[in-house]
Amino acid sequence: MKKSVKNTILSRIYGRGRGWCFSPNDFIADFKRWEIGDSLSDLTNEGKIRRIIIGLYDYPLYSEILNKYVAPDMEQVAYALARKFAWRIQPTGETALNYLGLSTQIMGKYIYLSDGPSKKYDIMGQTLEFKHHTFKEASITDIDTTLVVQAIKSIGEMNVTPEFIGKLKNKYSQQQWNKIKKNSSKAIGWIYKIISDIASTEED
């Protein structure tokens, strides 16, 4: 039974792809807590997954160039913690710009707004910080849409240049932009207009 549960959990992890971060809570709907705990412990000891901090794991990305596993994907870590504790979170503007490759600033820490408590985590030498925030308006839950909205908001309406628009558009496919446009309908007016214009622009 234990072996079957472990293999099923491993299959689900593999199905998510390298870089996925998770906690035991991501499997609690289908398995007993002790089965999950034993399975994740075994998989960690076998080197198939990596424990990042207590209660949090990832299926690590491997660099053929560096010949080693690379640091955890901090976006994945943030959303794994949000799922674990049932928080709503949003990346701050600078964090969103960094994830989208639109900022040249070296990140000292990754910061998210959260309706949970303010907390800091040391993730294998990187700092992940959550700052308590009350979300007054309806929260956008789609990750890509949240990144785009926060990135545009961080730049500011008067600083959005054609160069910025071009770089941002190239981050997603036309199909993804159509989805982002749909999911951002409750964003601030000027932000939604920029997203709508990008989504309506035909690819070269």
N, C-alpha and C. Protein backbone atom coordinates (compact mmCIF):
# COMPACT_ATOMS: atom_id res chain seq x y z
N MET A 1 0.83 -1.21 0.00
CA MET A 1 0.00 0.00 0.00
C MET A 1 0.87 1.26 0.00
N LYS A 2 1.87 1.26 0.93
CA LYS A 2 2.77 2.40 1.02
C LYS A 2 3.49 2.64 -0.29
N LYS A 3 3.97 1.56 -0.91
CA LYS A 3 4.68 1.69 -2.18
C LYS A 3 3.78 2.25 -3.25
N SER A 4 2.52 1.81 -3.26
CA SER A 4 1.58 2.30 -4.25
C SER A 4 1.32 3.79 -4.06
N VAL A 5 1.15 4.22 -2.83
CA VAL A 5 0.93 5.64 -2.54
C VAL A 5 2.15 6.45 -2.95
N LYS A 6 3.34 5.97 -2.61
CA LYS A 6 4.57 6.69 -2.95
C LYS A 6 4.71 6.84 -4.46
N ASN A 7 4.43 5.78 -5.19
CA ASN A 7 4.55 5.84 -6.64
C ASN A 7 3.52 6.78 -7.26
N THR A 8 2.33 6.79 -6.69
CA THR A 8 1.28 7.68 -7.18
C THR A 8 1.65 9.14 -6.94
N ILE A 9 2.17 9.42 -5.75
CA ILE A 9 2.60 10.78 -5.43
C ILE A 9 3.76 11.19 -6.33
N LEU A 10 4.71 10.30 -6.54
CA LEU A 10 5.85 10.61 -7.41
C LEU A 10 5.38 10.89 -8.83
N SER A 11 4.42 10.11 -9.30
CA SER A 11 3.88 10.32 -10.65
C SER A 11 3.25 11.70 -10.78
N ARG A 12 2.56 12.12 -9.74
CA ARG A 12 1.94 13.44 -9.77
C ARG A 12 2.99 14.54 -9.77
N ILE A 13 4.04 14.33 -9.00
CA ILE A 13 5.13 15.31 -8.95
C ILE A 13 5.80 15.41 -10.32
N TYR A 14 6.11 14.26 -10.91
CA TYR A 14 6.73 14.26 -12.23
C TYR A 14 5.82 14.92 -13.26
N GLY A 15 4.51 14.72 -13.10
CA GLY A 15 3.56 15.30 -14.04
C GLY A 15 3.55 16.82 -14.02
N ARG A 16 3.91 17.39 -12.89
CA ARG A 16 3.97 18.85 -12.77
C ARG A 16 5.22 19.43 -13.40
N GLY A 17 6.24 18.60 -13.58
CA GLY A 17 7.47 19.06 -14.20
C GLY A 17 8.48 19.60 -13.22
N ARG A 18 9.73 19.67 -13.67
CA ARG A 18 10.80 20.17 -12.80
C ARG A 18 10.56 21.63 -12.42
N GLY A 19 10.90 21.93 -11.20
CA GLY A 19 10.70 23.27 -10.67
C GLY A 19 9.47 23.39 -9.80
N TRP A 20 8.57 22.38 -9.89
CA TRP A 20 7.35 22.46 -9.10
C TRP A 20 7.67 22.37 -7.61
N CYS A 21 7.04 23.22 -6.83
CA CYS A 21 7.22 23.23 -5.38
C CYS A 21 5.90 22.85 -4.73
N PHE A 22 5.97 22.13 -3.63
CA PHE A 22 4.74 21.60 -3.04
C PHE A 22 4.92 21.31 -1.55
N SER A 23 3.81 21.10 -0.89
CA SER A 23 3.80 20.71 0.52
C SER A 23 2.93 19.46 0.66
N PRO A 24 2.94 18.81 1.81
CA PRO A 24 2.07 17.66 2.00
C PRO A 24 0.60 17.99 1.76
N ASN A 25 0.21 19.23 1.99
CA ASN A 25 -1.18 19.64 1.80
C ASN A 25 -1.66 19.46 0.37
N ASP A 26 -0.73 19.47 -0.58
CA ASP A 26 -1.12 19.31 -1.98
C ASP A 26 -1.61 17.90 -2.30
N PHE A 27 -1.45 16.97 -1.36
CA PHE A 27 -1.88 15.59 -1.58
C PHE A 27 -2.91 15.12 -0.55
N ILE A 28 -3.26 16.01 0.39
CA ILE A 28 -4.07 15.59 1.53
C ILE A 28 -5.48 15.16 1.15
N ALA A 29 -5.97 15.61 0.01
CA ALA A 29 -7.33 15.25 -0.39
C ALA A 29 -7.45 13.77 -0.76
N ASP A 30 -6.33 13.14 -1.09
CA ASP A 30 -6.38 11.77 -1.61
C ASP A 30 -5.68 10.73 -0.73
N PHE A 31 -4.83 11.18 0.19
CA PHE A 31 -4.07 10.21 0.99
C PHE A 31 -4.06 10.61 2.46
N LYS A 32 -3.77 9.66 3.31
CA LYS A 32 -3.65 9.92 4.74
C LYS A 32 -2.36 10.71 4.99
N ARG A 33 -2.37 11.53 6.03
CA ARG A 33 -1.20 12.38 6.29
C ARG A 33 0.06 11.56 6.53
N TRP A 34 -0.06 10.43 7.23
CA TRP A 34 1.14 9.62 7.50
C TRP A 34 1.67 8.98 6.22
N GLU A 35 0.76 8.65 5.28
CA GLU A 35 1.20 8.08 4.01
C GLU A 35 1.99 9.12 3.21
N ILE A 36 1.49 10.34 3.24
CA ILE A 36 2.17 11.43 2.52
C ILE A 36 3.53 11.70 3.15
N GLY A 37 3.55 11.78 4.47
CA GLY A 37 4.80 12.05 5.17
C GLY A 37 5.86 11.00 4.90
N ASP A 38 5.45 9.73 4.99
CA ASP A 38 6.40 8.64 4.75
C ASP A 38 6.89 8.66 3.30
N SER A 39 5.97 8.92 2.37
CA SER A 39 6.32 8.91 0.95
C SER A 39 7.30 10.02 0.61
N LEU A 40 7.02 11.24 1.09
CA LEU A 40 7.91 12.36 0.81
C LEU A 40 9.27 12.19 1.47
N SER A 41 9.28 11.59 2.65
CA SER A 41 10.55 11.31 3.33
C SER A 41 11.38 10.32 2.51
N ASP A 42 10.73 9.25 2.04
CA ASP A 42 11.43 8.24 1.22
C ASP A 42 11.95 8.85 -0.08
N LEU A 43 11.11 9.64 -0.74
CA LEU A 43 11.50 10.23 -2.03
C LEU A 43 12.65 11.22 -1.86
N THR A 44 12.67 11.91 -0.72
CA THR A 44 13.78 12.82 -0.43
C THR A 44 15.07 12.04 -0.22
N ASN A 45 14.99 10.98 0.54
CA ASN A 45 16.17 10.15 0.80
C ASN A 45 16.68 9.49 -0.47
N GLU A 46 15.79 9.22 -1.40
CA GLU A 46 16.17 8.60 -2.68
C GLU A 46 16.70 9.63 -3.68
N GLY A 47 16.64 10.92 -3.31
CA GLY A 47 17.15 11.97 -4.19
C GLY A 47 16.22 12.33 -5.33
N LYS A 48 14.97 11.92 -5.25
CA LYS A 48 14.02 12.21 -6.33
C LYS A 48 13.35 13.55 -6.16
N ILE A 49 13.24 14.02 -4.92
CA ILE A 49 12.75 15.36 -4.63
C ILE A 49 13.70 15.99 -3.63
N ARG A 50 13.51 17.28 -3.35
CA ARG A 50 14.40 17.99 -2.45
C ARG A 50 13.56 18.72 -1.39
N ARG A 51 13.99 18.61 -0.14
CA ARG A 51 13.32 19.38 0.90
C ARG A 51 13.96 20.75 0.97
N ILE A 52 13.14 21.79 0.84
CA ILE A 52 13.63 23.16 0.82
C ILE A 52 13.70 23.72 2.23
N ILE A 53 12.58 23.64 2.93
CA ILE A 53 12.49 23.97 4.34
C ILE A 53 11.56 22.93 4.95
N ILE A 54 11.37 22.96 6.26
CA ILE A 54 10.47 22.01 6.89
C ILE A 54 9.08 22.12 6.28
N GLY A 55 8.57 21.01 5.77
CA GLY A 55 7.22 20.99 5.23
C GLY A 55 7.08 21.50 3.82
N LEU A 56 8.20 21.74 3.13
CA LEU A 56 8.12 22.25 1.75
C LEU A 56 9.20 21.58 0.90
N TYR A 57 8.81 21.15 -0.30
CA TYR A 57 9.68 20.38 -1.18
C TYR A 57 9.61 20.92 -2.60
N ASP A 58 10.58 20.51 -3.43
CA ASP A 58 10.45 20.77 -4.86
C ASP A 58 11.02 19.61 -5.66
N TYR A 59 10.64 19.59 -6.93
CA TYR A 59 11.20 18.66 -7.91
C TYR A 59 12.25 19.48 -8.63
N PRO A 60 13.49 19.45 -8.18
CA PRO A 60 14.46 20.48 -8.57
C PRO A 60 14.87 20.48 -10.04
N LEU A 61 15.09 21.69 -10.50
CA LEU A 61 15.62 21.88 -11.85
C LEU A 61 17.10 21.52 -11.85
N TYR A 62 17.55 20.88 -12.93
CA TYR A 62 18.96 20.47 -13.02
C TYR A 62 19.63 21.21 -14.18
N SER A 63 20.79 21.79 -13.91
CA SER A 63 21.54 22.50 -14.94
C SER A 63 22.63 21.60 -15.51
N GLU A 64 22.52 21.31 -16.79
CA GLU A 64 23.55 20.50 -17.45
C GLU A 64 24.86 21.28 -17.54
N ILE A 65 24.75 22.60 -17.65
CA ILE A 65 25.95 23.45 -17.75
C ILE A 65 26.70 23.47 -16.43
N LEU A 66 25.96 23.68 -15.33
CA LEU A 66 26.58 23.75 -14.01
C LEU A 66 26.79 22.36 -13.40
N ASN A 67 26.12 21.37 -14.01
CA ASN A 67 26.20 20.00 -13.53
C ASN A 67 25.74 19.87 -12.07
N LYS A 68 24.65 20.55 -11.77
CA LYS A 68 24.09 20.47 -10.42
C LYS A 68 22.65 20.99 -10.43
N TYR A 69 21.94 20.73 -9.33
CA TYR A 69 20.60 21.26 -9.17
C TYR A 69 20.69 22.75 -8.86
N VAL A 70 19.77 23.52 -9.42
CA VAL A 70 19.80 24.97 -9.24
C VAL A 70 18.86 25.37 -8.09
N ALA A 71 18.93 26.64 -7.72
CA ALA A 71 18.12 27.16 -6.62
C ALA A 71 16.63 27.00 -6.93
N PRO A 72 15.82 26.88 -5.91
CA PRO A 72 14.38 26.74 -6.12
C PRO A 72 13.78 27.94 -6.86
N ASP A 73 12.73 27.68 -7.61
CA ASP A 73 11.97 28.72 -8.28
C ASP A 73 11.16 29.45 -7.21
N MET A 74 11.51 30.71 -6.94
CA MET A 74 10.89 31.42 -5.83
C MET A 74 9.41 31.69 -6.04
N GLU A 75 9.01 31.81 -7.28
CA GLU A 75 7.57 31.98 -7.56
C GLU A 75 6.82 30.71 -7.17
N GLN A 76 7.38 29.56 -7.53
CA GLN A 76 6.78 28.29 -7.15
C GLN A 76 6.72 28.14 -5.63
N VAL A 77 7.79 28.54 -4.96
CA VAL A 77 7.84 28.45 -3.50
C VAL A 77 6.75 29.31 -2.88
N ALA A 78 6.62 30.55 -3.38
CA ALA A 78 5.63 31.47 -2.83
C ALA A 78 4.21 30.91 -2.95
N TYR A 79 3.90 30.37 -4.13
CA TYR A 79 2.53 29.87 -4.32
C TYR A 79 2.30 28.54 -3.61
N ALA A 80 3.35 27.77 -3.39
CA ALA A 80 3.20 26.54 -2.59
C ALA A 80 2.86 26.90 -1.15
N LEU A 81 3.53 27.91 -0.61
CA LEU A 81 3.22 28.36 0.75
C LEU A 81 1.81 28.95 0.82
N ALA A 82 1.43 29.68 -0.22
CA ALA A 82 0.08 30.25 -0.24
C ALA A 82 -0.98 29.16 -0.23
N ARG A 83 -0.74 28.10 -1.00
CA ARG A 83 -1.69 26.97 -1.00
C ARG A 83 -1.72 26.29 0.36
N LYS A 84 -0.55 26.12 0.94
CA LYS A 84 -0.45 25.42 2.22
C LYS A 84 -1.23 26.13 3.32
N PHE A 85 -1.13 27.47 3.34
CA PHE A 85 -1.75 28.23 4.43
C PHE A 85 -3.04 28.94 4.02
N ALA A 86 -3.48 28.68 2.78
CA ALA A 86 -4.72 29.29 2.26
C ALA A 86 -4.64 30.82 2.27
N TRP A 87 -3.48 31.34 1.82
CA TRP A 87 -3.31 32.79 1.69
C TRP A 87 -3.63 33.21 0.26
N ARG A 88 -4.10 34.42 0.13
CA ARG A 88 -4.13 35.08 -1.18
C ARG A 88 -2.87 35.93 -1.26
N ILE A 89 -2.14 35.84 -2.35
CA ILE A 89 -0.91 36.60 -2.46
C ILE A 89 -0.80 37.28 -3.82
N GLN A 90 -0.01 38.34 -3.86
CA GLN A 90 0.32 39.04 -5.10
C GLN A 90 1.78 39.47 -5.02
N PRO A 91 2.55 39.30 -6.09
CA PRO A 91 3.93 39.78 -6.07
C PRO A 91 3.94 41.30 -6.09
N THR A 92 4.90 41.90 -5.41
CA THR A 92 5.08 43.34 -5.55
C THR A 92 5.59 43.62 -6.95
N GLY A 93 5.53 44.88 -7.34
CA GLY A 93 5.89 45.24 -8.72
C GLY A 93 7.28 44.83 -9.13
N GLU A 94 8.28 45.10 -8.27
CA GLU A 94 9.67 44.77 -8.62
C GLU A 94 9.86 43.27 -8.74
N THR A 95 9.18 42.51 -7.89
CA THR A 95 9.25 41.05 -7.97
C THR A 95 8.64 40.56 -9.27
N ALA A 96 7.51 41.14 -9.66
CA ALA A 96 6.86 40.76 -10.91
C ALA A 96 7.74 41.09 -12.12
N LEU A 97 8.35 42.27 -12.11
CA LEU A 97 9.25 42.66 -13.20
C LEU A 97 10.42 41.69 -13.31
N ASN A 98 10.93 41.27 -12.17
CA ASN A 98 12.06 40.33 -12.17
C ASN A 98 11.66 38.98 -12.76
N TYR A 99 10.51 38.46 -12.35
CA TYR A 99 10.05 37.18 -12.86
C TYR A 99 9.85 37.22 -14.38
N LEU A 100 9.40 38.37 -14.88
CA LEU A 100 9.13 38.51 -16.31
C LEU A 100 10.38 38.88 -17.11
N GLY A 101 11.49 39.04 -16.40
CA GLY A 101 12.73 39.38 -17.10
C GLY A 101 12.76 40.81 -17.59
N LEU A 102 11.99 41.69 -16.97
CA LEU A 102 11.89 43.08 -17.40
C LEU A 102 12.65 44.03 -16.48
N SER A 103 13.37 43.46 -15.53
CA SER A 103 14.17 44.26 -14.61
C SER A 103 15.60 43.72 -14.59
N THR A 104 16.55 44.64 -14.59
CA THR A 104 17.96 44.24 -14.54
C THR A 104 18.48 44.25 -13.10
N GLN A 105 17.63 44.64 -12.18
CA GLN A 105 18.03 44.71 -10.77
C GLN A 105 18.20 43.31 -10.20
N ILE A 106 19.30 43.11 -9.48
CA ILE A 106 19.53 41.83 -8.80
C ILE A 106 18.66 41.78 -7.56
N MET A 107 17.84 40.75 -7.45
CA MET A 107 16.89 40.67 -6.36
C MET A 107 17.56 40.27 -5.05
N GLY A 108 17.46 41.15 -4.04
CA GLY A 108 17.95 40.79 -2.72
C GLY A 108 16.93 39.96 -1.98
N LYS A 109 15.66 40.21 -2.31
CA LYS A 109 14.58 39.44 -1.72
C LYS A 109 13.38 39.47 -2.66
N TYR A 110 12.56 38.46 -2.54
CA TYR A 110 11.33 38.36 -3.31
C TYR A 110 10.18 38.69 -2.35
N ILE A 111 9.37 39.69 -2.72
CA ILE A 111 8.36 40.20 -1.80
C ILE A 111 6.96 40.02 -2.38
N TYR A 112 6.07 39.50 -1.53
CA TYR A 112 4.67 39.33 -1.91
C TYR A 112 3.77 40.00 -0.88
N LEU A 113 2.66 40.56 -1.36
CA LEU A 113 1.60 41.00 -0.49
C LEU A 113 0.74 39.79 -0.18
N SER A 114 0.24 39.70 1.05
CA SER A 114 -0.51 38.51 1.46
C SER A 114 -1.59 38.90 2.47
N ASP A 115 -2.73 38.20 2.41
CA ASP A 115 -3.74 38.44 3.43
C ASP A 115 -3.47 37.59 4.67
N GLY A 116 -2.35 36.88 4.66
CA GLY A 116 -1.90 36.14 5.84
C GLY A 116 -0.96 37.02 6.66
N PRO A 117 -0.29 36.46 7.64
CA PRO A 117 0.62 37.24 8.49
C PRO A 117 1.89 37.64 7.75
N SER A 118 2.52 38.70 8.21
CA SER A 118 3.82 39.09 7.66
C SER A 118 4.86 38.07 8.11
N LYS A 119 5.59 37.50 7.14
CA LYS A 119 6.58 36.47 7.48
C LYS A 119 7.75 36.55 6.51
N LYS A 120 8.90 36.07 6.97
CA LYS A 120 10.09 35.96 6.13
C LYS A 120 10.59 34.52 6.16
N TYR A 121 11.06 34.06 5.01
CA TYR A 121 11.62 32.71 4.91
C TYR A 121 13.00 32.79 4.27
N ASP A 122 13.91 31.99 4.78
CA ASP A 122 15.22 31.82 4.14
C ASP A 122 15.12 30.56 3.30
N ILE A 123 15.09 30.73 1.98
CA ILE A 123 14.94 29.61 1.06
C ILE A 123 16.29 29.32 0.42
N MET A 124 17.08 28.49 1.08
CA MET A 124 18.38 28.09 0.57
C MET A 124 19.23 29.30 0.16
N GLY A 125 19.27 30.29 1.07
CA GLY A 125 20.10 31.47 0.83
C GLY A 125 19.38 32.63 0.18
N GLN A 126 18.13 32.43 -0.25
CA GLN A 126 17.35 33.51 -0.83
C GLN A 126 16.24 33.91 0.15
N THR A 127 15.90 35.19 0.18
CA THR A 127 14.87 35.67 1.10
C THR A 127 13.53 35.81 0.40
N LEU A 128 12.52 35.21 1.00
CA LEU A 128 11.15 35.32 0.51
C LEU A 128 10.35 35.98 1.63
N GLU A 129 9.75 37.11 1.34
CA GLU A 129 9.02 37.87 2.36
C GLU A 129 7.57 38.06 1.96
N PHE A 130 6.68 37.87 2.94
CA PHE A 130 5.26 38.14 2.76
C PHE A 130 4.89 39.31 3.66
N LYS A 131 4.25 40.33 3.09
CA LYS A 131 3.81 41.49 3.85
C LYS A 131 2.29 41.48 3.93
N HIS A 132 1.78 41.57 5.14
CA HIS A 132 0.33 41.54 5.30
C HIS A 132 -0.33 42.70 4.56
N HIS A 133 -1.41 42.38 3.87
CA HIS A 133 -2.11 43.37 3.07
C HIS A 133 -3.58 42.99 3.01
N THR A 134 -4.44 43.97 3.11
CA THR A 134 -5.88 43.72 2.99
C THR A 134 -6.30 43.97 1.56
N PHE A 135 -6.75 42.92 0.89
CA PHE A 135 -7.20 43.06 -0.49
C PHE A 135 -8.65 43.54 -0.49
N LYS A 136 -8.84 44.81 -0.79
CA LYS A 136 -10.18 45.38 -0.74
C LYS A 136 -11.00 45.03 -1.98
N GLU A 137 -10.32 44.97 -3.12
CA GLU A 137 -11.02 44.66 -4.35
C GLU A 137 -10.93 43.17 -4.63
N ALA A 138 -11.72 42.71 -5.61
CA ALA A 138 -11.68 41.30 -6.00
C ALA A 138 -10.27 40.97 -6.46
N SER A 139 -9.70 39.93 -5.90
CA SER A 139 -8.32 39.57 -6.21
C SER A 139 -8.24 38.77 -7.51
N ILE A 140 -7.25 39.08 -8.31
CA ILE A 140 -6.99 38.30 -9.52
C ILE A 140 -6.20 37.07 -9.10
N THR A 141 -6.69 35.90 -9.43
CA THR A 141 -6.06 34.67 -8.95
C THR A 141 -5.12 34.02 -9.96
N ASP A 142 -5.29 34.31 -11.24
CA ASP A 142 -4.42 33.71 -12.25
C ASP A 142 -2.99 34.26 -12.11
N ILE A 143 -2.02 33.38 -12.03
CA ILE A 143 -0.64 33.80 -11.74
C ILE A 143 -0.07 34.70 -12.83
N ASP A 144 -0.20 34.31 -14.09
CA ASP A 144 0.35 35.12 -15.19
C ASP A 144 -0.30 36.50 -15.23
N THR A 145 -1.61 36.54 -15.04
CA THR A 145 -2.32 37.82 -15.05
C THR A 145 -1.85 38.72 -13.92
N THR A 146 -1.67 38.14 -12.74
CA THR A 146 -1.19 38.91 -11.59
C THR A 146 0.19 39.49 -11.86
N LEU A 147 1.08 38.69 -12.45
CA LEU A 147 2.42 39.18 -12.77
C LEU A 147 2.36 40.37 -13.72
N VAL A 148 1.56 40.24 -14.77
CA VAL A 148 1.47 41.30 -15.77
C VAL A 148 0.89 42.57 -15.15
N VAL A 149 -0.19 42.44 -14.41
CA VAL A 149 -0.84 43.60 -13.79
C VAL A 149 0.12 44.31 -12.83
N GLN A 150 0.80 43.55 -11.99
CA GLN A 150 1.71 44.16 -11.02
C GLN A 150 2.93 44.79 -11.70
N ALA A 151 3.40 44.17 -12.77
CA ALA A 151 4.55 44.72 -13.51
C ALA A 151 4.19 46.06 -14.15
N ILE A 152 3.04 46.12 -14.79
CA ILE A 152 2.60 47.36 -15.43
C ILE A 152 2.36 48.43 -14.37
N LYS A 153 1.73 48.06 -13.28
CA LYS A 153 1.44 49.00 -12.20
C LYS A 153 2.74 49.57 -11.63
N SER A 154 3.77 48.72 -11.51
CA SER A 154 5.05 49.16 -10.96
C SER A 154 5.74 50.19 -11.86
N ILE A 155 5.64 49.99 -13.17
CA ILE A 155 6.26 50.92 -14.13
C ILE A 155 5.58 52.28 -14.06
N GLY A 156 4.25 52.27 -13.93
CA GLY A 156 3.50 53.53 -13.89
C GLY A 156 3.01 53.93 -15.27
N GLU A 157 1.82 54.50 -15.31
CA GLU A 157 1.17 54.82 -16.60
C GLU A 157 2.02 55.71 -17.49
N MET A 158 2.70 56.68 -16.92
CA MET A 158 3.45 57.65 -17.73
C MET A 158 4.79 57.08 -18.21
N ASN A 159 5.19 55.93 -17.69
CA ASN A 159 6.49 55.37 -18.05
C ASN A 159 6.40 54.12 -18.92
N VAL A 160 5.21 53.79 -19.36
CA VAL A 160 5.02 52.62 -20.23
C VAL A 160 5.40 53.01 -21.65
N THR A 161 6.52 52.50 -22.12
CA THR A 161 7.04 52.84 -23.45
C THR A 161 6.75 51.73 -24.46
N PRO A 162 6.84 52.04 -25.75
CA PRO A 162 6.68 50.99 -26.76
C PRO A 162 7.68 49.85 -26.58
N GLU A 163 8.88 50.18 -26.12
CA GLU A 163 9.90 49.16 -25.88
C GLU A 163 9.45 48.20 -24.77
N PHE A 164 8.91 48.77 -23.70
CA PHE A 164 8.40 47.95 -22.59
C PHE A 164 7.25 47.07 -23.06
N ILE A 165 6.35 47.66 -23.83
CA ILE A 165 5.19 46.91 -24.36
C ILE A 165 5.67 45.75 -25.22
N GLY A 166 6.65 46.01 -26.07
CA GLY A 166 7.17 44.97 -26.96
C GLY A 166 7.78 43.81 -26.19
N LYS A 167 8.59 44.14 -25.18
CA LYS A 167 9.22 43.09 -24.36
C LYS A 167 8.17 42.30 -23.59
N LEU A 168 7.18 42.99 -23.06
CA LEU A 168 6.13 42.33 -22.29
C LEU A 168 5.31 41.40 -23.17
N LYS A 169 4.98 41.87 -24.36
CA LYS A 169 4.16 41.05 -25.26
C LYS A 169 4.85 39.75 -25.62
N ASN A 170 6.17 39.81 -25.78
CA ASN A 170 6.93 38.62 -26.17
C ASN A 170 7.02 37.55 -25.08
N LYS A 171 6.59 37.89 -23.88
CA LYS A 171 6.66 36.93 -22.78
C LYS A 171 5.58 35.85 -22.87
N TYR A 172 4.52 36.13 -23.62
CA TYR A 172 3.41 35.18 -23.70
C TYR A 172 2.93 35.03 -25.14
N SER A 173 2.30 33.90 -25.40
CA SER A 173 1.72 33.64 -26.71
C SER A 173 0.42 34.43 -26.87
N GLN A 174 -0.09 34.48 -28.09
CA GLN A 174 -1.35 35.18 -28.33
C GLN A 174 -2.48 34.55 -27.53
N GLN A 175 -2.48 33.23 -27.46
CA GLN A 175 -3.52 32.53 -26.69
C GLN A 175 -3.45 32.91 -25.21
N GLN A 176 -2.22 33.01 -24.69
CA GLN A 176 -2.06 33.40 -23.28
C GLN A 176 -2.51 34.83 -23.04
N TRP A 177 -2.22 35.72 -24.01
CA TRP A 177 -2.64 37.11 -23.86
C TRP A 177 -4.16 37.23 -23.87
N ASN A 178 -4.82 36.43 -24.66
CA ASN A 178 -6.28 36.44 -24.67
C ASN A 178 -6.82 36.06 -23.29
N LYS A 179 -6.16 35.08 -22.67
CA LYS A 179 -6.55 34.64 -21.33
C LYS A 179 -6.26 35.74 -20.30
N ILE A 180 -5.08 36.37 -20.41
CA ILE A 180 -4.71 37.43 -19.48
C ILE A 180 -5.68 38.60 -19.59
N LYS A 181 -6.07 38.94 -20.82
CA LYS A 181 -7.05 40.02 -21.02
C LYS A 181 -8.36 39.70 -20.32
N LYS A 182 -8.83 38.50 -20.49
CA LYS A 182 -10.09 38.08 -19.87
C LYS A 182 -10.00 38.13 -18.34
N ASN A 183 -8.87 37.66 -17.80
CA ASN A 183 -8.72 37.57 -16.35
C ASN A 183 -8.41 38.91 -15.68
N SER A 184 -8.02 39.90 -16.47
CA SER A 184 -7.64 41.20 -15.89
C SER A 184 -8.75 42.24 -16.01
N SER A 185 -9.95 41.82 -16.29
CA SER A 185 -11.06 42.76 -16.53
C SER A 185 -11.35 43.65 -15.32
N LYS A 186 -10.97 43.21 -14.13
CA LYS A 186 -11.22 44.01 -12.92
C LYS A 186 -10.01 44.82 -12.48
N ALA A 187 -8.98 44.86 -13.32
CA ALA A 187 -7.80 45.66 -13.01
C ALA A 187 -8.13 47.15 -13.20
N ILE A 188 -7.24 48.01 -12.69
CA ILE A 188 -7.40 49.45 -12.88
C ILE A 188 -7.54 49.75 -14.36
N GLY A 189 -8.37 50.73 -14.69
CA GLY A 189 -8.72 51.03 -16.07
C GLY A 189 -7.55 51.17 -17.03
N TRP A 190 -6.56 51.98 -16.66
CA TRP A 190 -5.44 52.21 -17.58
C TRP A 190 -4.59 50.97 -17.76
N ILE A 191 -4.51 50.14 -16.71
CA ILE A 191 -3.76 48.89 -16.83
C ILE A 191 -4.49 47.92 -17.75
N TYR A 192 -5.80 47.82 -17.58
CA TYR A 192 -6.58 46.92 -18.43
C TYR A 192 -6.51 47.36 -19.90
N LYS A 193 -6.49 48.67 -20.14
CA LYS A 193 -6.41 49.15 -21.52
C LYS A 193 -5.09 48.72 -22.17
N ILE A 194 -3.99 48.81 -21.42
CA ILE A 194 -2.69 48.39 -21.96
C ILE A 194 -2.72 46.89 -22.28
N ILE A 195 -3.25 46.11 -21.36
CA ILE A 195 -3.33 44.66 -21.59
C ILE A 195 -4.23 44.36 -22.78
N SER A 196 -5.36 45.07 -22.87
CA SER A 196 -6.28 44.86 -23.98
C SER A 196 -5.63 45.21 -25.31
N ASP A 197 -4.86 46.30 -25.32
CA ASP A 197 -4.18 46.71 -26.55
C ASP A 197 -3.13 45.67 -26.96
N ILE A 198 -2.39 45.14 -25.99
CA ILE A 198 -1.39 44.12 -26.28
C ILE A 198 -2.05 42.86 -26.84
N ALA A 199 -3.13 42.46 -26.20
CA ALA A 199 -3.84 41.24 -26.63
C ALA A 199 -4.46 41.40 -28.02
N SER A 200 -4.79 42.66 -28.39
CA SER A 200 -5.43 42.91 -29.67
C SER A 200 -4.44 43.12 -30.81
N THR A 201 -3.16 43.27 -30.46
CA THR A 201 -2.13 43.46 -31.47
C THR A 201 -1.76 42.12 -32.10
N GLU A 202 -1.82 42.05 -33.39
CA GLU A 202 -1.48 40.81 -34.08
C GLU A 202 0.01 40.55 -34.01
N GLU A 203 0.36 39.26 -33.91
CA GLU A 203 1.77 38.89 -33.88
C GLU A 203 2.40 39.14 -35.23
N ASP A 204 3.71 39.50 -35.18
CA ASP A 204 4.44 39.75 -36.43
C ASP A 204 4.66 38.47 -37.19
